[in-house]
Amino acid sequence: MHSAFAAATGEPTADYLGSDGYTVRSDLGGLNLSTVPKVFIEMGNMDNGTDAARLETPAYRDRMAAGVAAGITAFLKES
């Protein structure tokens, strides 16, 4: 999912938390208690003016959706 989203959007890997864009969380019951594959993606930071402006455009939202779809497709092909 990570590489597919980055390829579709051109977004750099977040470097303000965690490592290589990943942050382990223990406080998200919907993720931690699940027994099926799951992904939680932060697609933008609304406190960042550049991110907020991109998120307002339909073309960028289409790129984000394409990245998520590509990530799901890749996962299913590998399973």
N, C-alpha and C. Protein backbone atom coordinates (compact mmCIF):
# COMPACT_ATOMS: atom_id res chain seq x y z
N MET A 1 0.83 -1.18 0.00
CA MET A 1 0.00 0.00 0.00
C MET A 1 0.88 1.25 0.00
N HIS A 2 1.91 1.21 0.81
CA HIS A 2 2.79 2.37 0.95
C HIS A 2 3.39 2.77 -0.40
N SER A 3 3.99 1.83 -1.09
CA SER A 3 4.66 2.17 -2.35
C SER A 3 3.65 2.53 -3.44
N ALA A 4 2.50 1.87 -3.46
CA ALA A 4 1.48 2.17 -4.47
C ALA A 4 0.92 3.58 -4.27
N PHE A 5 0.66 3.96 -3.03
CA PHE A 5 0.15 5.30 -2.73
C PHE A 5 1.19 6.35 -3.10
N ALA A 6 2.43 6.12 -2.74
CA ALA A 6 3.50 7.07 -3.05
C ALA A 6 3.68 7.22 -4.56
N ALA A 7 3.61 6.11 -5.29
CA ALA A 7 3.77 6.16 -6.74
C ALA A 7 2.63 6.95 -7.40
N ALA A 8 1.42 6.77 -6.92
CA ALA A 8 0.26 7.43 -7.52
C ALA A 8 0.21 8.92 -7.20
N THR A 9 0.66 9.29 -6.01
CA THR A 9 0.50 10.67 -5.56
C THR A 9 1.78 11.50 -5.63
N GLY A 10 2.91 10.83 -5.62
CA GLY A 10 4.17 11.56 -5.56
C GLY A 10 4.49 12.09 -4.18
N GLU A 11 3.72 11.66 -3.19
CA GLU A 11 3.94 12.12 -1.81
C GLU A 11 5.22 11.52 -1.24
N PRO A 12 6.01 12.33 -0.56
CA PRO A 12 7.19 11.78 0.12
C PRO A 12 6.77 11.03 1.38
N THR A 13 7.62 10.17 1.84
CA THR A 13 7.36 9.44 3.08
C THR A 13 7.43 10.40 4.26
N ALA A 14 6.44 10.34 5.13
CA ALA A 14 6.43 11.20 6.32
C ALA A 14 7.66 10.90 7.17
N ASP A 15 8.23 11.97 7.72
CA ASP A 15 9.42 11.78 8.54
C ASP A 15 9.30 12.41 9.92
N TYR A 16 8.10 12.83 10.28
CA TYR A 16 7.94 13.52 11.56
C TYR A 16 7.54 12.59 12.70
N LEU A 17 7.14 11.37 12.40
CA LEU A 17 6.82 10.36 13.42
C LEU A 17 7.28 9.00 12.92
N GLY A 18 7.59 8.13 13.83
CA GLY A 18 7.90 6.76 13.45
C GLY A 18 9.15 6.63 12.61
N SER A 19 9.16 5.58 11.79
CA SER A 19 10.33 5.26 10.97
C SER A 19 9.87 4.85 9.58
N ASP A 20 10.44 5.44 8.56
CA ASP A 20 10.11 5.13 7.16
C ASP A 20 8.62 5.30 6.86
N GLY A 21 8.00 6.25 7.53
CA GLY A 21 6.59 6.52 7.29
C GLY A 21 5.63 5.67 8.09
N TYR A 22 6.15 4.83 8.96
CA TYR A 22 5.30 3.94 9.76
C TYR A 22 5.38 4.32 11.23
N THR A 23 4.23 4.34 11.88
CA THR A 23 4.15 4.58 13.31
C THR A 23 3.30 3.49 13.93
N VAL A 24 3.85 2.76 14.89
CA VAL A 24 3.10 1.72 15.57
C VAL A 24 2.19 2.38 16.60
N ARG A 25 0.92 2.02 16.56
CA ARG A 25 -0.06 2.59 17.48
C ARG A 25 -0.74 1.46 18.25
N SER A 26 -0.97 1.67 19.53
CA SER A 26 -1.67 0.66 20.33
C SER A 26 -3.04 1.15 20.76
N ASP A 27 -3.43 2.35 20.32
CA ASP A 27 -4.66 2.95 20.79
C ASP A 27 -5.77 2.96 19.75
N LEU A 28 -5.65 2.18 18.70
CA LEU A 28 -6.65 2.14 17.63
C LEU A 28 -7.32 0.77 17.63
N GLY A 29 -8.37 0.63 18.43
CA GLY A 29 -9.03 -0.65 18.59
C GLY A 29 -9.49 -1.28 17.29
N GLY A 30 -9.99 -0.48 16.37
CA GLY A 30 -10.47 -1.02 15.10
C GLY A 30 -9.37 -1.69 14.31
N LEU A 31 -8.14 -1.25 14.50
CA LEU A 31 -7.00 -1.88 13.84
C LEU A 31 -6.40 -2.98 14.69
N ASN A 32 -6.19 -2.70 15.96
CA ASN A 32 -5.48 -3.64 16.82
C ASN A 32 -6.29 -4.88 17.18
N LEU A 33 -7.61 -4.77 17.18
CA LEU A 33 -8.44 -5.91 17.54
C LEU A 33 -8.93 -6.69 16.32
N SER A 34 -8.60 -6.22 15.15
CA SER A 34 -9.04 -6.86 13.91
C SER A 34 -8.23 -8.12 13.63
N THR A 35 -8.85 -9.09 13.01
CA THR A 35 -8.16 -10.33 12.65
C THR A 35 -8.01 -10.48 11.14
N VAL A 36 -8.29 -9.42 10.41
CA VAL A 36 -8.16 -9.43 8.95
C VAL A 36 -7.16 -8.34 8.55
N PRO A 37 -6.62 -8.41 7.34
CA PRO A 37 -5.69 -7.36 6.90
C PRO A 37 -6.35 -5.98 6.94
N LYS A 38 -5.60 -4.99 7.36
CA LYS A 38 -6.14 -3.64 7.44
C LYS A 38 -5.02 -2.62 7.26
N VAL A 39 -5.42 -1.42 6.86
CA VAL A 39 -4.47 -0.34 6.64
C VAL A 39 -5.10 0.94 7.13
N PHE A 40 -4.32 1.75 7.78
CA PHE A 40 -4.74 3.08 8.21
C PHE A 40 -3.79 4.07 7.54
N ILE A 41 -4.29 4.89 6.64
CA ILE A 41 -3.44 5.80 5.88
C ILE A 41 -3.76 7.25 6.24
N GLU A 42 -2.74 8.00 6.58
CA GLU A 42 -2.90 9.45 6.71
C GLU A 42 -2.56 10.01 5.34
N MET A 43 -3.57 10.50 4.64
CA MET A 43 -3.39 10.94 3.26
C MET A 43 -2.97 12.39 3.15
N GLY A 44 -3.04 13.11 4.21
CA GLY A 44 -2.62 14.50 4.19
C GLY A 44 -2.74 15.10 5.58
N ASN A 45 -2.07 16.19 5.75
CA ASN A 45 -2.07 16.89 7.03
C ASN A 45 -2.79 18.22 6.84
N MET A 46 -3.97 18.34 7.41
CA MET A 46 -4.77 19.55 7.20
C MET A 46 -4.15 20.79 7.85
N ASP A 47 -3.17 20.60 8.73
CA ASP A 47 -2.45 21.74 9.31
C ASP A 47 -1.37 22.26 8.35
N ASN A 48 -1.09 21.50 7.30
CA ASN A 48 -0.09 21.89 6.31
C ASN A 48 -0.82 22.50 5.12
N GLY A 49 -0.55 23.76 4.85
CA GLY A 49 -1.27 24.47 3.79
C GLY A 49 -1.16 23.82 2.43
N THR A 50 0.01 23.28 2.10
CA THR A 50 0.20 22.61 0.81
C THR A 50 -0.66 21.36 0.73
N ASP A 51 -0.63 20.55 1.78
CA ASP A 51 -1.46 19.34 1.82
C ASP A 51 -2.94 19.70 1.72
N ALA A 52 -3.36 20.67 2.49
CA ALA A 52 -4.77 21.06 2.51
C ALA A 52 -5.24 21.51 1.13
N ALA A 53 -4.42 22.26 0.43
CA ALA A 53 -4.79 22.74 -0.91
C ALA A 53 -4.91 21.57 -1.88
N ARG A 54 -3.98 20.62 -1.82
CA ARG A 54 -4.05 19.44 -2.71
C ARG A 54 -5.30 18.62 -2.43
N LEU A 55 -5.61 18.45 -1.16
CA LEU A 55 -6.76 17.62 -0.79
C LEU A 55 -8.08 18.21 -1.27
N GLU A 56 -8.10 19.48 -1.56
CA GLU A 56 -9.31 20.13 -2.05
C GLU A 56 -9.57 19.89 -3.53
N THR A 57 -8.59 19.37 -4.26
CA THR A 57 -8.75 19.23 -5.71
C THR A 57 -9.23 17.83 -6.08
N PRO A 58 -10.25 17.74 -6.92
CA PRO A 58 -10.74 16.43 -7.36
C PRO A 58 -9.66 15.59 -8.05
N ALA A 59 -8.79 16.23 -8.81
CA ALA A 59 -7.74 15.48 -9.52
C ALA A 59 -6.80 14.80 -8.53
N TYR A 60 -6.44 15.49 -7.45
CA TYR A 60 -5.55 14.88 -6.47
C TYR A 60 -6.27 13.78 -5.70
N ARG A 61 -7.52 13.98 -5.37
CA ARG A 61 -8.28 12.93 -4.69
C ARG A 61 -8.39 11.69 -5.58
N ASP A 62 -8.52 11.89 -6.90
CA ASP A 62 -8.51 10.75 -7.83
C ASP A 62 -7.18 10.01 -7.78
N ARG A 63 -6.08 10.75 -7.70
CA ARG A 63 -4.76 10.11 -7.60
C ARG A 63 -4.63 9.32 -6.31
N MET A 64 -5.16 9.87 -5.21
CA MET A 64 -5.11 9.14 -3.95
C MET A 64 -5.92 7.85 -4.05
N ALA A 65 -7.11 7.94 -4.61
CA ALA A 65 -7.96 6.75 -4.76
C ALA A 65 -7.28 5.71 -5.65
N ALA A 66 -6.63 6.16 -6.72
CA ALA A 66 -5.93 5.23 -7.60
C ALA A 66 -4.79 4.54 -6.86
N GLY A 67 -4.10 5.27 -6.00
CA GLY A 67 -3.02 4.68 -5.21
C GLY A 67 -3.52 3.64 -4.24
N VAL A 68 -4.62 3.92 -3.58
CA VAL A 68 -5.21 2.96 -2.64
C VAL A 68 -5.67 1.71 -3.41
N ALA A 69 -6.34 1.93 -4.54
CA ALA A 69 -6.81 0.79 -5.35
C ALA A 69 -5.63 -0.05 -5.83
N ALA A 70 -4.55 0.59 -6.24
CA ALA A 70 -3.37 -0.14 -6.70
C ALA A 70 -2.75 -0.94 -5.56
N GLY A 71 -2.74 -0.36 -4.36
CA GLY A 71 -2.20 -1.08 -3.20
C GLY A 71 -3.03 -2.30 -2.84
N ILE A 72 -4.34 -2.16 -2.88
CA ILE A 72 -5.22 -3.30 -2.60
C ILE A 72 -5.03 -4.37 -3.66
N THR A 73 -4.98 -3.97 -4.92
CA THR A 73 -4.79 -4.91 -6.01
C THR A 73 -3.48 -5.68 -5.86
N ALA A 74 -2.40 -4.95 -5.54
CA ALA A 74 -1.10 -5.61 -5.34
C ALA A 74 -1.16 -6.61 -4.20
N PHE A 75 -1.81 -6.24 -3.10
CA PHE A 75 -1.92 -7.16 -1.96
C PHE A 75 -2.67 -8.42 -2.36
N LEU A 76 -3.78 -8.26 -3.07
CA LEU A 76 -4.58 -9.42 -3.45
C LEU A 76 -3.85 -10.33 -4.43
N LYS A 77 -3.05 -9.75 -5.29
CA LYS A 77 -2.27 -10.55 -6.23
C LYS A 77 -1.17 -11.35 -5.53
N GLU A 78 -0.66 -10.81 -4.43
CA GLU A 78 0.40 -11.48 -3.67
C GLU A 78 -0.16 -12.55 -2.73
N SER A 79 -1.42 -12.44 -2.39
CA SER A 79 -2.02 -13.37 -1.41
C SER A 79 -2.34 -14.72 -2.02
